[in-house]
């Protein structure tokens, strides 16, 4: 029997990818612990001609995701349609009781997760941000996802050209102050 140290532990990550509308961006200040950025995502689900929405209450993790969500604050407050491509992790449920409204006293379930990565942002249908393909891989490594095993090249696959609709990043998100983030 071997004694495994904490540096040798492995984890199995469960990620949710999708697209949805960004809502209710807010700074949460719990009684205990540090303040954090949170937002709701109304994720699209089902057939495109009969879409349903799954609501996720997320804690925004990572400096890049926080910077991008802060850039969307003004657009969300102005009731503009802010759609994002996203990756969530650490899904869990929270049971709560409605305190007011027509459902007061009833219990319901909230889906909670960490918003790990934003792959693109559209405001009112106009592309405002698109992550470089390399950023997604670096984000996985930063979040502790194990590196994928090398795959043999596929002979018929041609390299995909990057999408030209990309807003250039003038400086890295980690060097910016959160309150100074440029709005979309």
N, C-alpha and C. Protein backbone atom coordinates (compact mmCIF):
# COMPACT_ATOMS: atom_id res chain seq x y z
N UNK A 1 0.85 -1.18 0.00
CA UNK A 1 0.00 0.00 0.00
C UNK A 1 0.89 1.24 0.00
N UNK A 2 0.60 2.20 -0.88
CA UNK A 2 1.41 3.41 -0.96
C UNK A 2 0.67 4.57 -0.33
N UNK A 3 1.45 5.49 0.17
CA UNK A 3 0.88 6.69 0.77
C UNK A 3 0.92 7.79 -0.27
N UNK A 4 -0.25 8.24 -0.72
CA UNK A 4 -0.33 9.27 -1.75
C UNK A 4 -0.29 10.65 -1.12
N UNK A 5 0.60 11.51 -1.57
CA UNK A 5 0.63 12.88 -1.07
C UNK A 5 -0.39 13.72 -1.82
N UNK A 6 -0.68 14.90 -1.29
CA UNK A 6 -1.69 15.76 -1.91
C UNK A 6 -1.26 16.24 -3.28
N UNK A 7 0.06 16.30 -3.56
CA UNK A 7 0.51 16.76 -4.87
C UNK A 7 0.25 15.70 -5.94
N UNK A 8 0.02 14.44 -5.55
CA UNK A 8 -0.21 13.37 -6.51
C UNK A 8 -1.70 13.09 -6.72
N UNK A 9 -2.56 13.79 -6.03
CA UNK A 9 -4.00 13.54 -6.16
C UNK A 9 -4.49 13.95 -7.54
N UNK A 10 -5.41 13.20 -8.06
CA UNK A 10 -6.02 13.54 -9.34
C UNK A 10 -7.51 13.78 -9.12
N UNK A 11 -8.10 14.52 -10.02
CA UNK A 11 -9.50 14.87 -9.91
C UNK A 11 -10.19 14.61 -11.24
N UNK A 12 -11.47 14.41 -11.17
CA UNK A 12 -12.29 14.27 -12.36
C UNK A 12 -13.17 15.50 -12.44
N UNK A 13 -12.98 16.27 -13.49
CA UNK A 13 -13.73 17.50 -13.66
C UNK A 13 -14.98 17.26 -14.48
N UNK A 14 -16.04 17.90 -14.08
CA UNK A 14 -17.29 17.88 -14.83
C UNK A 14 -17.55 19.31 -15.28
N UNK A 15 -17.47 19.54 -16.58
CA UNK A 15 -17.68 20.88 -17.12
C UNK A 15 -18.96 20.92 -17.95
N UNK A 16 -19.60 22.06 -17.92
CA UNK A 16 -20.80 22.30 -18.71
C UNK A 16 -20.46 23.41 -19.69
N UNK A 17 -20.65 23.16 -20.98
CA UNK A 17 -20.43 24.20 -21.98
C UNK A 17 -21.76 24.52 -22.63
N UNK A 18 -21.91 25.75 -23.02
CA UNK A 18 -23.14 26.15 -23.68
C UNK A 18 -23.12 27.61 -24.06
N UNK A 19 -24.30 28.11 -24.39
CA UNK A 19 -24.46 29.52 -24.67
C UNK A 19 -25.73 29.98 -23.99
N UNK A 20 -25.71 31.24 -23.59
CA UNK A 20 -26.86 31.76 -22.87
C UNK A 20 -26.75 33.26 -22.67
N UNK A 21 -27.80 33.78 -22.05
CA UNK A 21 -27.88 35.22 -21.79
C UNK A 21 -27.36 35.53 -20.40
N UNK A 22 -26.55 36.58 -20.32
CA UNK A 22 -25.98 37.03 -19.05
C UNK A 22 -26.98 37.95 -18.36
N UNK A 23 -27.23 37.73 -17.06
CA UNK A 23 -28.18 38.52 -16.29
C UNK A 23 -27.65 38.76 -14.88
N UNK A 24 -28.22 39.70 -14.19
CA UNK A 24 -28.04 39.93 -12.76
C UNK A 24 -26.58 39.88 -12.31
N UNK A 25 -25.74 40.71 -12.89
CA UNK A 25 -24.34 40.79 -12.49
C UNK A 25 -24.29 41.57 -11.18
N UNK A 26 -23.58 41.01 -10.18
CA UNK A 26 -23.56 41.66 -8.88
C UNK A 26 -22.31 41.26 -8.10
N UNK A 27 -21.95 42.10 -7.16
CA UNK A 27 -20.87 41.82 -6.22
C UNK A 27 -21.53 41.29 -4.96
N UNK A 28 -21.17 40.08 -4.54
CA UNK A 28 -21.76 39.45 -3.36
C UNK A 28 -20.80 39.62 -2.20
N UNK A 29 -21.32 40.13 -1.08
CA UNK A 29 -20.49 40.34 0.11
C UNK A 29 -21.07 39.51 1.25
N UNK A 30 -20.59 38.25 1.38
CA UNK A 30 -21.12 37.39 2.44
C UNK A 30 -20.69 37.87 3.83
N UNK A 31 -21.44 37.45 4.85
CA UNK A 31 -21.09 37.82 6.23
C UNK A 31 -19.73 37.26 6.61
N UNK A 32 -19.45 36.03 6.15
CA UNK A 32 -18.16 35.40 6.39
C UNK A 32 -17.49 35.16 5.04
N UNK A 33 -16.21 35.44 4.94
CA UNK A 33 -15.50 35.20 3.70
C UNK A 33 -15.34 36.46 2.88
N UNK A 34 -14.67 36.30 1.76
CA UNK A 34 -14.37 37.42 0.88
C UNK A 34 -15.52 37.68 -0.10
N UNK A 35 -15.62 38.92 -0.56
CA UNK A 35 -16.62 39.29 -1.56
C UNK A 35 -16.24 38.63 -2.89
N UNK A 36 -17.25 38.39 -3.74
CA UNK A 36 -16.98 37.78 -5.04
C UNK A 36 -18.00 38.29 -6.06
N UNK A 37 -17.64 38.16 -7.33
CA UNK A 37 -18.49 38.55 -8.44
C UNK A 37 -19.40 37.39 -8.80
N UNK A 38 -20.67 37.67 -9.01
CA UNK A 38 -21.64 36.63 -9.38
C UNK A 38 -22.50 37.13 -10.53
N UNK A 39 -23.10 36.18 -11.25
CA UNK A 39 -24.03 36.52 -12.32
C UNK A 39 -24.94 35.33 -12.57
N UNK A 40 -26.04 35.57 -13.24
CA UNK A 40 -26.94 34.50 -13.67
C UNK A 40 -26.75 34.30 -15.16
N UNK A 41 -26.89 33.06 -15.59
CA UNK A 41 -26.84 32.74 -17.01
C UNK A 41 -28.11 31.97 -17.34
N UNK A 42 -28.87 32.47 -18.31
CA UNK A 42 -30.04 31.75 -18.83
C UNK A 42 -29.56 31.00 -20.05
N UNK A 43 -29.19 29.72 -19.85
CA UNK A 43 -28.60 28.90 -20.90
C UNK A 43 -29.67 28.35 -21.82
N UNK A 44 -29.42 28.39 -23.12
CA UNK A 44 -30.35 27.85 -24.10
C UNK A 44 -30.26 26.33 -24.12
N UNK A 45 -31.44 25.70 -24.23
CA UNK A 45 -31.50 24.25 -24.20
C UNK A 45 -32.64 23.79 -25.10
N UNK A 46 -32.45 22.67 -25.78
CA UNK A 46 -33.51 22.09 -26.60
C UNK A 46 -33.40 22.48 -28.06
N UNK A 47 -34.44 22.12 -28.83
CA UNK A 47 -34.42 22.41 -30.28
C UNK A 47 -34.48 23.92 -30.53
N UNK A 48 -33.84 24.34 -31.61
CA UNK A 48 -33.76 25.77 -31.90
C UNK A 48 -35.12 26.40 -32.20
N UNK A 49 -36.10 25.60 -32.61
CA UNK A 49 -37.42 26.18 -32.89
C UNK A 49 -38.34 26.15 -31.66
N UNK A 50 -37.87 25.59 -30.54
CA UNK A 50 -38.64 25.56 -29.29
C UNK A 50 -37.67 25.57 -28.12
N UNK A 51 -36.93 26.67 -27.98
CA UNK A 51 -35.87 26.78 -26.98
C UNK A 51 -36.45 26.89 -25.58
N UNK A 52 -35.81 26.21 -24.64
CA UNK A 52 -36.11 26.42 -23.23
C UNK A 52 -34.83 26.94 -22.58
N UNK A 53 -34.97 27.45 -21.38
CA UNK A 53 -33.83 28.05 -20.69
C UNK A 53 -33.58 27.34 -19.37
N UNK A 54 -32.31 27.14 -19.06
CA UNK A 54 -31.89 26.59 -17.78
C UNK A 54 -31.10 27.70 -17.10
N UNK A 55 -31.53 28.08 -15.90
CA UNK A 55 -30.90 29.19 -15.19
C UNK A 55 -29.81 28.66 -14.26
N UNK A 56 -28.61 29.25 -14.40
CA UNK A 56 -27.49 28.95 -13.52
C UNK A 56 -27.13 30.21 -12.75
N UNK A 57 -26.99 30.09 -11.45
CA UNK A 57 -26.50 31.17 -10.60
C UNK A 57 -25.02 30.89 -10.41
N UNK A 58 -24.16 31.75 -10.95
CA UNK A 58 -22.74 31.43 -10.99
C UNK A 58 -21.88 32.40 -10.18
N UNK A 59 -20.80 31.83 -9.67
CA UNK A 59 -19.72 32.62 -9.07
C UNK A 59 -18.67 32.73 -10.16
N UNK A 60 -18.26 33.94 -10.50
CA UNK A 60 -17.32 34.15 -11.60
C UNK A 60 -15.90 33.88 -11.08
N UNK A 61 -15.24 32.90 -11.66
CA UNK A 61 -13.90 32.50 -11.23
C UNK A 61 -12.88 32.85 -12.30
N UNK A 62 -11.71 33.20 -11.88
CA UNK A 62 -10.65 33.53 -12.82
C UNK A 62 -10.67 35.00 -13.20
N UNK A 63 -9.48 35.58 -13.32
CA UNK A 63 -9.39 37.02 -13.59
C UNK A 63 -9.91 37.38 -14.98
N UNK A 64 -9.70 36.53 -15.99
CA UNK A 64 -10.19 36.84 -17.33
C UNK A 64 -11.71 36.87 -17.36
N UNK A 65 -12.34 35.86 -16.78
CA UNK A 65 -13.81 35.81 -16.75
C UNK A 65 -14.36 37.00 -15.96
N UNK A 66 -13.74 37.34 -14.84
CA UNK A 66 -14.21 38.48 -14.04
C UNK A 66 -14.10 39.77 -14.84
N UNK A 67 -13.00 39.95 -15.51
CA UNK A 67 -12.81 41.16 -16.32
C UNK A 67 -13.89 41.26 -17.41
N UNK A 68 -14.16 40.15 -18.10
CA UNK A 68 -15.16 40.16 -19.18
C UNK A 68 -16.57 40.40 -18.65
N UNK A 69 -16.92 39.78 -17.54
CA UNK A 69 -18.25 39.99 -16.97
C UNK A 69 -18.41 41.45 -16.52
N UNK A 70 -17.37 42.01 -15.92
CA UNK A 70 -17.44 43.43 -15.51
C UNK A 70 -17.62 44.34 -16.72
N UNK A 71 -17.02 43.98 -17.85
CA UNK A 71 -17.20 44.78 -19.07
C UNK A 71 -18.64 44.76 -19.55
N UNK A 72 -19.38 43.70 -19.19
CA UNK A 72 -20.77 43.54 -19.64
C UNK A 72 -21.77 44.20 -18.70
N UNK A 73 -21.35 44.69 -17.55
CA UNK A 73 -22.27 45.22 -16.54
C UNK A 73 -23.19 46.31 -17.09
N UNK A 74 -22.63 47.30 -17.76
CA UNK A 74 -23.44 48.41 -18.26
C UNK A 74 -24.47 47.93 -19.29
N UNK A 75 -24.07 47.02 -20.16
CA UNK A 75 -24.99 46.51 -21.18
C UNK A 75 -26.12 45.72 -20.53
N UNK A 76 -25.82 44.93 -19.51
CA UNK A 76 -26.87 44.16 -18.82
C UNK A 76 -27.81 45.10 -18.09
N UNK A 77 -27.26 46.13 -17.41
CA UNK A 77 -28.10 47.11 -16.70
C UNK A 77 -28.99 47.88 -17.66
N UNK A 78 -28.54 48.07 -18.90
CA UNK A 78 -29.32 48.79 -19.91
C UNK A 78 -30.30 47.87 -20.63
N UNK A 79 -30.46 46.63 -20.13
CA UNK A 79 -31.37 45.63 -20.71
C UNK A 79 -31.05 45.28 -22.15
N UNK A 80 -29.77 45.34 -22.51
CA UNK A 80 -29.34 44.88 -23.83
C UNK A 80 -29.18 43.37 -23.76
N UNK A 81 -29.29 42.70 -24.88
CA UNK A 81 -29.16 41.24 -24.93
C UNK A 81 -27.68 40.88 -25.01
N UNK A 82 -27.16 40.38 -23.89
CA UNK A 82 -25.76 39.98 -23.80
C UNK A 82 -25.72 38.46 -23.79
N UNK A 83 -25.25 37.87 -24.88
CA UNK A 83 -25.16 36.42 -25.01
C UNK A 83 -23.69 36.02 -24.95
N UNK A 84 -23.42 34.92 -24.23
CA UNK A 84 -22.05 34.46 -24.08
C UNK A 84 -21.95 32.97 -24.38
N UNK A 85 -20.77 32.55 -24.82
CA UNK A 85 -20.39 31.15 -24.86
C UNK A 85 -19.64 30.91 -23.57
N UNK A 86 -19.96 29.85 -22.84
CA UNK A 86 -19.39 29.70 -21.51
C UNK A 86 -18.98 28.27 -21.20
N UNK A 87 -18.17 28.16 -20.14
CA UNK A 87 -17.83 26.87 -19.54
C UNK A 87 -18.03 27.01 -18.03
N UNK A 88 -18.84 26.10 -17.47
CA UNK A 88 -19.11 26.09 -16.03
C UNK A 88 -18.47 24.85 -15.41
N UNK A 89 -18.20 24.92 -14.14
CA UNK A 89 -17.68 23.78 -13.39
C UNK A 89 -18.24 23.76 -11.99
N UNK A 90 -18.02 22.66 -11.29
CA UNK A 90 -18.43 22.50 -9.89
C UNK A 90 -19.92 22.74 -9.69
N UNK A 91 -20.74 22.10 -10.49
CA UNK A 91 -22.20 22.25 -10.40
C UNK A 91 -22.70 21.68 -9.08
N UNK A 92 -23.60 22.40 -8.42
CA UNK A 92 -24.25 21.92 -7.21
C UNK A 92 -25.63 22.55 -7.11
N UNK A 93 -26.47 22.02 -6.26
CA UNK A 93 -27.82 22.54 -6.11
C UNK A 93 -27.98 23.18 -4.75
N UNK A 94 -28.91 24.13 -4.68
CA UNK A 94 -29.23 24.81 -3.43
C UNK A 94 -30.75 24.86 -3.33
N UNK A 95 -31.30 24.37 -2.23
CA UNK A 95 -32.74 24.42 -2.02
C UNK A 95 -33.04 25.69 -1.23
N UNK A 96 -34.02 26.45 -1.70
CA UNK A 96 -34.38 27.69 -1.03
C UNK A 96 -35.89 27.81 -0.95
N UNK A 97 -36.37 28.76 -0.14
CA UNK A 97 -37.80 29.01 0.01
C UNK A 97 -38.10 30.43 -0.46
N UNK A 98 -39.06 30.57 -1.35
CA UNK A 98 -39.48 31.91 -1.80
C UNK A 98 -40.02 32.67 -0.60
N UNK A 99 -39.60 33.92 -0.44
CA UNK A 99 -40.05 34.73 0.68
C UNK A 99 -41.18 35.67 0.32
N UNK A 100 -41.33 36.00 -0.97
CA UNK A 100 -42.42 36.89 -1.37
C UNK A 100 -42.90 36.52 -2.76
N UNK A 101 -43.96 37.13 -3.18
CA UNK A 101 -44.52 36.84 -4.50
C UNK A 101 -45.57 35.75 -4.42
N UNK A 102 -46.05 35.34 -5.58
CA UNK A 102 -47.13 34.35 -5.60
C UNK A 102 -46.69 32.97 -5.15
N UNK A 103 -45.37 32.71 -5.10
CA UNK A 103 -44.85 31.42 -4.66
C UNK A 103 -44.29 31.48 -3.23
N UNK A 104 -44.63 32.54 -2.48
CA UNK A 104 -44.10 32.71 -1.12
C UNK A 104 -44.38 31.45 -0.29
N UNK A 105 -43.32 30.99 0.39
CA UNK A 105 -43.43 29.81 1.23
C UNK A 105 -43.12 28.51 0.51
N UNK A 106 -43.07 28.53 -0.82
CA UNK A 106 -42.77 27.31 -1.58
C UNK A 106 -41.25 27.12 -1.68
N UNK A 107 -40.83 25.85 -1.72
CA UNK A 107 -39.42 25.56 -1.91
C UNK A 107 -39.11 25.36 -3.39
N UNK A 108 -37.87 25.69 -3.75
CA UNK A 108 -37.41 25.52 -5.13
C UNK A 108 -35.92 25.18 -5.12
N UNK A 109 -35.42 24.80 -6.27
CA UNK A 109 -34.01 24.43 -6.40
C UNK A 109 -33.31 25.42 -7.31
N UNK A 110 -32.12 25.83 -6.91
CA UNK A 110 -31.29 26.71 -7.72
C UNK A 110 -30.06 25.93 -8.15
N UNK A 111 -29.70 26.00 -9.44
CA UNK A 111 -28.47 25.38 -9.93
C UNK A 111 -27.34 26.40 -9.81
N UNK A 112 -26.31 26.01 -9.11
CA UNK A 112 -25.18 26.90 -8.87
C UNK A 112 -23.93 26.28 -9.48
N UNK A 113 -23.01 27.13 -9.93
CA UNK A 113 -21.77 26.66 -10.53
C UNK A 113 -20.75 27.78 -10.52
N UNK A 114 -19.53 27.44 -10.93
CA UNK A 114 -18.49 28.45 -11.12
C UNK A 114 -18.38 28.72 -12.61
N UNK A 115 -18.41 30.00 -12.98
CA UNK A 115 -18.18 30.40 -14.37
C UNK A 115 -16.68 30.43 -14.57
N UNK A 116 -16.17 29.47 -15.35
CA UNK A 116 -14.73 29.29 -15.52
C UNK A 116 -14.16 30.03 -16.71
N UNK A 117 -14.93 30.07 -17.79
CA UNK A 117 -14.37 30.57 -19.04
C UNK A 117 -15.47 31.14 -19.92
N UNK A 118 -15.17 32.25 -20.59
CA UNK A 118 -16.08 32.86 -21.57
C UNK A 118 -15.38 32.80 -22.92
N UNK A 119 -15.99 32.09 -23.87
CA UNK A 119 -15.34 31.92 -25.17
C UNK A 119 -15.70 33.04 -26.15
N UNK A 120 -16.86 33.64 -26.00
CA UNK A 120 -17.25 34.76 -26.86
C UNK A 120 -18.38 35.54 -26.20
N UNK A 121 -18.54 36.79 -26.65
CA UNK A 121 -19.60 37.67 -26.14
C UNK A 121 -20.23 38.39 -27.32
N UNK A 122 -21.56 38.38 -27.38
CA UNK A 122 -22.31 39.18 -28.36
C UNK A 122 -23.24 40.10 -27.58
N UNK A 123 -23.28 41.37 -27.99
CA UNK A 123 -24.21 42.33 -27.40
C UNK A 123 -25.16 42.76 -28.51
N UNK A 124 -26.44 42.50 -28.30
CA UNK A 124 -27.48 42.79 -29.31
C UNK A 124 -27.11 42.17 -30.67
N UNK A 125 -26.57 40.96 -30.64
CA UNK A 125 -26.25 40.23 -31.86
C UNK A 125 -24.93 40.59 -32.51
N UNK A 126 -24.19 41.55 -31.95
CA UNK A 126 -22.91 41.98 -32.52
C UNK A 126 -21.77 41.38 -31.70
N UNK A 127 -20.86 40.68 -32.38
CA UNK A 127 -19.71 40.06 -31.72
C UNK A 127 -18.82 41.13 -31.11
N UNK A 128 -18.60 41.06 -29.80
CA UNK A 128 -17.77 42.03 -29.10
C UNK A 128 -16.47 41.43 -28.60
N UNK A 129 -16.46 40.10 -28.43
CA UNK A 129 -15.26 39.44 -27.93
C UNK A 129 -15.26 37.99 -28.40
N UNK A 130 -14.09 37.51 -28.77
CA UNK A 130 -13.91 36.11 -29.11
C UNK A 130 -12.54 35.69 -28.60
N UNK A 131 -12.53 34.66 -27.76
CA UNK A 131 -11.27 34.19 -27.19
C UNK A 131 -10.43 33.53 -28.25
N UNK A 132 -9.15 33.69 -28.13
CA UNK A 132 -8.23 32.98 -29.00
C UNK A 132 -8.29 31.51 -28.62
N UNK A 133 -8.16 30.59 -29.57
CA UNK A 133 -8.23 29.17 -29.25
C UNK A 133 -7.24 28.73 -28.18
N UNK A 134 -6.10 29.30 -28.13
CA UNK A 134 -5.07 28.94 -27.14
C UNK A 134 -5.54 29.26 -25.72
N UNK A 135 -6.31 30.34 -25.53
CA UNK A 135 -6.77 30.75 -24.20
C UNK A 135 -7.60 29.67 -23.53
N UNK A 136 -8.39 28.94 -24.27
CA UNK A 136 -9.23 27.90 -23.69
C UNK A 136 -8.36 26.81 -23.09
N UNK A 137 -7.29 26.43 -23.77
CA UNK A 137 -6.40 25.40 -23.26
C UNK A 137 -5.67 25.89 -22.01
N UNK A 138 -5.20 27.15 -22.03
CA UNK A 138 -4.51 27.70 -20.87
C UNK A 138 -5.46 27.81 -19.68
N UNK A 139 -6.72 28.15 -19.93
CA UNK A 139 -7.71 28.27 -18.86
C UNK A 139 -7.93 26.91 -18.21
N UNK A 140 -8.01 25.83 -19.01
CA UNK A 140 -8.17 24.49 -18.46
C UNK A 140 -7.00 24.15 -17.54
N UNK A 141 -5.79 24.48 -17.97
CA UNK A 141 -4.62 24.19 -17.16
C UNK A 141 -4.64 25.02 -15.89
N UNK A 142 -5.05 26.29 -15.98
CA UNK A 142 -5.11 27.15 -14.81
C UNK A 142 -6.16 26.68 -13.82
N UNK A 143 -7.23 26.07 -14.30
CA UNK A 143 -8.29 25.58 -13.43
C UNK A 143 -8.00 24.19 -12.89
N UNK A 144 -6.86 23.62 -13.28
CA UNK A 144 -6.47 22.33 -12.73
C UNK A 144 -6.94 21.14 -13.53
N UNK A 145 -7.42 21.35 -14.72
CA UNK A 145 -7.85 20.23 -15.55
C UNK A 145 -6.62 19.49 -16.05
N UNK A 146 -6.65 18.18 -16.05
CA UNK A 146 -5.49 17.44 -16.54
C UNK A 146 -5.29 17.68 -18.03
N UNK A 147 -4.04 17.69 -18.44
CA UNK A 147 -3.74 17.89 -19.86
C UNK A 147 -4.24 16.69 -20.65
N UNK A 148 -4.79 16.97 -21.80
CA UNK A 148 -5.31 15.89 -22.65
C UNK A 148 -4.15 15.10 -23.22
N UNK A 149 -4.36 13.82 -23.38
CA UNK A 149 -3.33 12.98 -23.98
C UNK A 149 -3.16 13.35 -25.44
N UNK A 150 -1.94 13.34 -25.95
CA UNK A 150 -1.74 13.70 -27.35
C UNK A 150 -2.50 12.75 -28.27
N UNK A 151 -3.15 13.30 -29.25
CA UNK A 151 -3.92 12.53 -30.21
C UNK A 151 -3.18 12.51 -31.54
N UNK A 152 -3.21 11.40 -32.24
CA UNK A 152 -2.57 11.38 -33.55
C UNK A 152 -3.31 12.31 -34.50
N UNK A 153 -2.58 12.96 -35.42
CA UNK A 153 -3.24 13.87 -36.35
C UNK A 153 -4.19 13.12 -37.28
N UNK A 154 -5.29 13.78 -37.59
CA UNK A 154 -6.25 13.21 -38.53
C UNK A 154 -5.86 13.63 -39.93
N UNK A 155 -5.69 12.70 -40.85
CA UNK A 155 -5.18 13.05 -42.17
C UNK A 155 -6.09 13.97 -42.97
N UNK A 156 -7.41 13.86 -42.86
CA UNK A 156 -8.31 14.67 -43.68
C UNK A 156 -8.65 16.01 -43.06
N UNK A 157 -8.22 16.26 -41.83
CA UNK A 157 -8.59 17.49 -41.15
C UNK A 157 -7.68 18.63 -41.57
N UNK A 158 -8.28 19.70 -42.05
CA UNK A 158 -7.53 20.89 -42.41
C UNK A 158 -7.57 21.85 -41.23
N UNK A 159 -6.51 22.61 -40.98
CA UNK A 159 -6.53 23.55 -39.86
C UNK A 159 -7.60 24.61 -40.08
N UNK A 160 -8.29 24.94 -39.01
CA UNK A 160 -9.37 25.93 -39.08
C UNK A 160 -8.78 27.32 -38.91
N UNK A 161 -9.13 28.23 -39.79
CA UNK A 161 -8.64 29.60 -39.71
C UNK A 161 -9.34 30.31 -38.57
N UNK A 162 -8.63 31.18 -37.84
CA UNK A 162 -9.26 31.90 -36.75
C UNK A 162 -10.33 32.86 -37.27
N UNK A 163 -11.36 33.07 -36.47
CA UNK A 163 -12.45 33.97 -36.82
C UNK A 163 -11.93 35.40 -36.82
N UNK A 164 -12.12 36.15 -37.92
CA UNK A 164 -11.59 37.51 -37.99
C UNK A 164 -12.33 38.49 -37.09
N UNK A 165 -13.47 38.13 -36.52
CA UNK A 165 -14.25 39.05 -35.69
C UNK A 165 -13.76 38.93 -34.25
N UNK A 166 -12.63 39.53 -33.97
CA UNK A 166 -12.05 39.48 -32.64
C UNK A 166 -11.68 40.88 -32.21
N UNK A 167 -12.10 41.23 -31.01
CA UNK A 167 -11.71 42.52 -30.47
C UNK A 167 -10.33 42.35 -29.86
N UNK A 168 -9.32 43.09 -30.34
CA UNK A 168 -7.98 42.91 -29.81
C UNK A 168 -7.90 43.34 -28.35
N UNK A 169 -7.16 42.60 -27.60
CA UNK A 169 -6.94 42.94 -26.20
C UNK A 169 -5.71 43.83 -26.13
N UNK A 170 -5.89 45.06 -25.66
CA UNK A 170 -4.78 46.00 -25.64
C UNK A 170 -3.81 45.71 -24.50
N UNK A 171 -4.28 45.06 -23.44
CA UNK A 171 -3.42 44.70 -22.34
C UNK A 171 -4.02 43.50 -21.63
N UNK A 172 -3.21 42.69 -20.97
CA UNK A 172 -3.73 41.51 -20.30
C UNK A 172 -4.73 41.87 -19.21
N UNK A 173 -5.77 41.04 -19.05
CA UNK A 173 -6.81 41.30 -18.07
C UNK A 173 -6.28 41.28 -16.64
N UNK A 174 -5.20 40.55 -16.39
CA UNK A 174 -4.68 40.44 -15.03
C UNK A 174 -4.03 41.74 -14.56
N UNK A 175 -3.70 42.65 -15.47
CA UNK A 175 -3.07 43.90 -15.09
C UNK A 175 -4.07 45.02 -14.87
N UNK A 176 -5.34 44.78 -15.09
CA UNK A 176 -6.34 45.83 -15.00
C UNK A 176 -7.05 45.78 -13.67
N UNK A 177 -7.41 46.91 -13.18
CA UNK A 177 -8.24 46.99 -11.99
C UNK A 177 -9.67 46.67 -12.38
N UNK A 178 -10.39 45.89 -11.58
CA UNK A 178 -11.76 45.49 -11.95
C UNK A 178 -12.68 46.67 -12.20
N UNK A 179 -12.59 47.73 -11.40
CA UNK A 179 -13.51 48.85 -11.59
C UNK A 179 -13.17 49.69 -12.82
N UNK A 180 -12.01 49.47 -13.43
CA UNK A 180 -11.60 50.24 -14.60
C UNK A 180 -11.84 49.49 -15.90
N UNK A 181 -12.55 48.38 -15.84
CA UNK A 181 -12.79 47.59 -17.05
C UNK A 181 -13.63 48.38 -18.05
N UNK A 182 -13.22 48.32 -19.31
CA UNK A 182 -13.96 49.01 -20.36
C UNK A 182 -15.28 48.30 -20.62
N UNK A 183 -16.35 49.06 -20.77
CA UNK A 183 -17.68 48.47 -21.03
C UNK A 183 -17.84 48.19 -22.52
N UNK A 184 -18.70 47.25 -22.84
CA UNK A 184 -19.01 46.97 -24.24
C UNK A 184 -20.02 47.95 -24.76
